[in-house]
């Protein structure tokens, strides 16, 4: 069984995602990504409130902890 980065006979999942993104960009333009990003930000603000951005802003640049990681950093 092929993993995500190892193609079995076709392209990898990563390559398919990249090519799909390039096609969307060619069809709709970069403004499309700006618009959906704005909509996603508004939906997040509505769902979690503006203070949510303060919390994630403070976490900026921190490496997420892995499940089962017992090492202290």
Protein backbone atom coordinates (compact mmCIF):
# COMPACT_ATOMS: atom_id res chain seq x y z
CA UNK A 1 0.00 0.00 0.00
CA UNK A 2 1.43 3.39 -1.01
CA UNK A 3 1.76 6.14 1.54
CA UNK A 4 0.79 9.76 0.95
CA UNK A 5 4.15 10.72 -0.56
CA UNK A 6 4.88 7.47 -2.40
CA UNK A 7 3.04 7.09 -5.70
CA UNK A 8 1.97 3.56 -6.56
CA UNK A 9 1.54 4.10 -10.26
CA UNK A 10 0.15 7.57 -10.64
CA UNK A 11 0.84 10.80 -8.86
CA UNK A 12 1.15 11.32 -5.13
CA UNK A 13 -1.58 12.95 -3.06
CA UNK A 14 0.71 15.94 -2.61
CA UNK A 15 1.20 16.29 -6.37
CA UNK A 16 -2.54 15.94 -7.03
CA UNK A 17 -3.28 18.65 -4.46
CA UNK A 18 -0.70 20.98 -5.96
CA UNK A 19 -2.00 20.46 -9.48
CA UNK A 20 -5.59 20.94 -8.33
CA UNK A 21 -4.67 24.18 -6.60
CA UNK A 22 -2.92 25.43 -9.72
CA UNK A 23 -6.03 24.70 -11.82
CA UNK A 24 -8.30 26.56 -9.38
CA UNK A 25 -5.87 29.49 -9.41
CA UNK A 26 -5.84 29.51 -13.22
CA UNK A 27 -9.64 29.31 -13.44
CA UNK A 28 -10.68 31.74 -10.68
CA UNK A 29 -7.57 33.85 -9.99
CA UNK A 30 -5.86 34.79 -6.76
CA UNK A 31 -8.79 37.00 -5.73
CA UNK A 32 -10.81 33.81 -5.21
CA UNK A 33 -8.40 32.68 -2.49
CA UNK A 34 -8.53 36.11 -0.86
CA UNK A 35 -12.33 35.99 -0.79
CA UNK A 36 -12.61 32.49 0.68
CA UNK A 37 -9.94 33.38 3.26
CA UNK A 38 -11.91 36.45 4.29
CA UNK A 39 -15.12 34.40 4.53
CA UNK A 40 -13.35 31.77 6.62
CA UNK A 41 -11.97 34.43 8.95
CA UNK A 42 -15.42 35.96 9.41
CA UNK A 43 -16.95 32.53 10.10
CA UNK A 44 -14.24 31.81 12.68
CA UNK A 45 -14.81 35.17 14.35
CA UNK A 46 -18.57 34.51 14.46
CA UNK A 47 -18.12 31.02 15.87
CA UNK A 48 -15.34 31.64 18.43
CA UNK A 49 -15.39 35.41 19.00
CA UNK A 50 -12.71 38.04 18.46
CA UNK A 51 -10.75 36.99 21.59
CA UNK A 52 -9.95 33.69 19.86
CA UNK A 53 -7.55 35.57 17.59
CA UNK A 54 -5.70 36.93 20.62
CA UNK A 55 -5.11 33.41 21.89
CA UNK A 56 -3.91 32.02 18.57
CA UNK A 57 -1.80 35.16 18.04
CA UNK A 58 0.03 34.48 21.29
CA UNK A 59 0.67 30.91 20.17
CA UNK A 60 2.18 32.10 16.89
CA UNK A 61 5.37 30.31 16.04
CA UNK A 62 4.98 27.67 18.74
CA UNK A 63 5.47 24.10 17.63
CA UNK A 64 2.36 21.97 18.28
CA UNK A 65 2.76 19.17 20.79
CA UNK A 66 2.61 15.66 19.42
CA UNK A 67 0.38 12.99 20.90
CA UNK A 68 2.31 10.86 23.34
CA UNK A 69 5.30 13.21 23.39
CA UNK A 70 6.67 13.00 26.91
CA UNK A 71 9.88 14.93 26.26
CA UNK A 72 10.10 18.35 27.86
CA UNK A 73 11.15 21.12 25.50
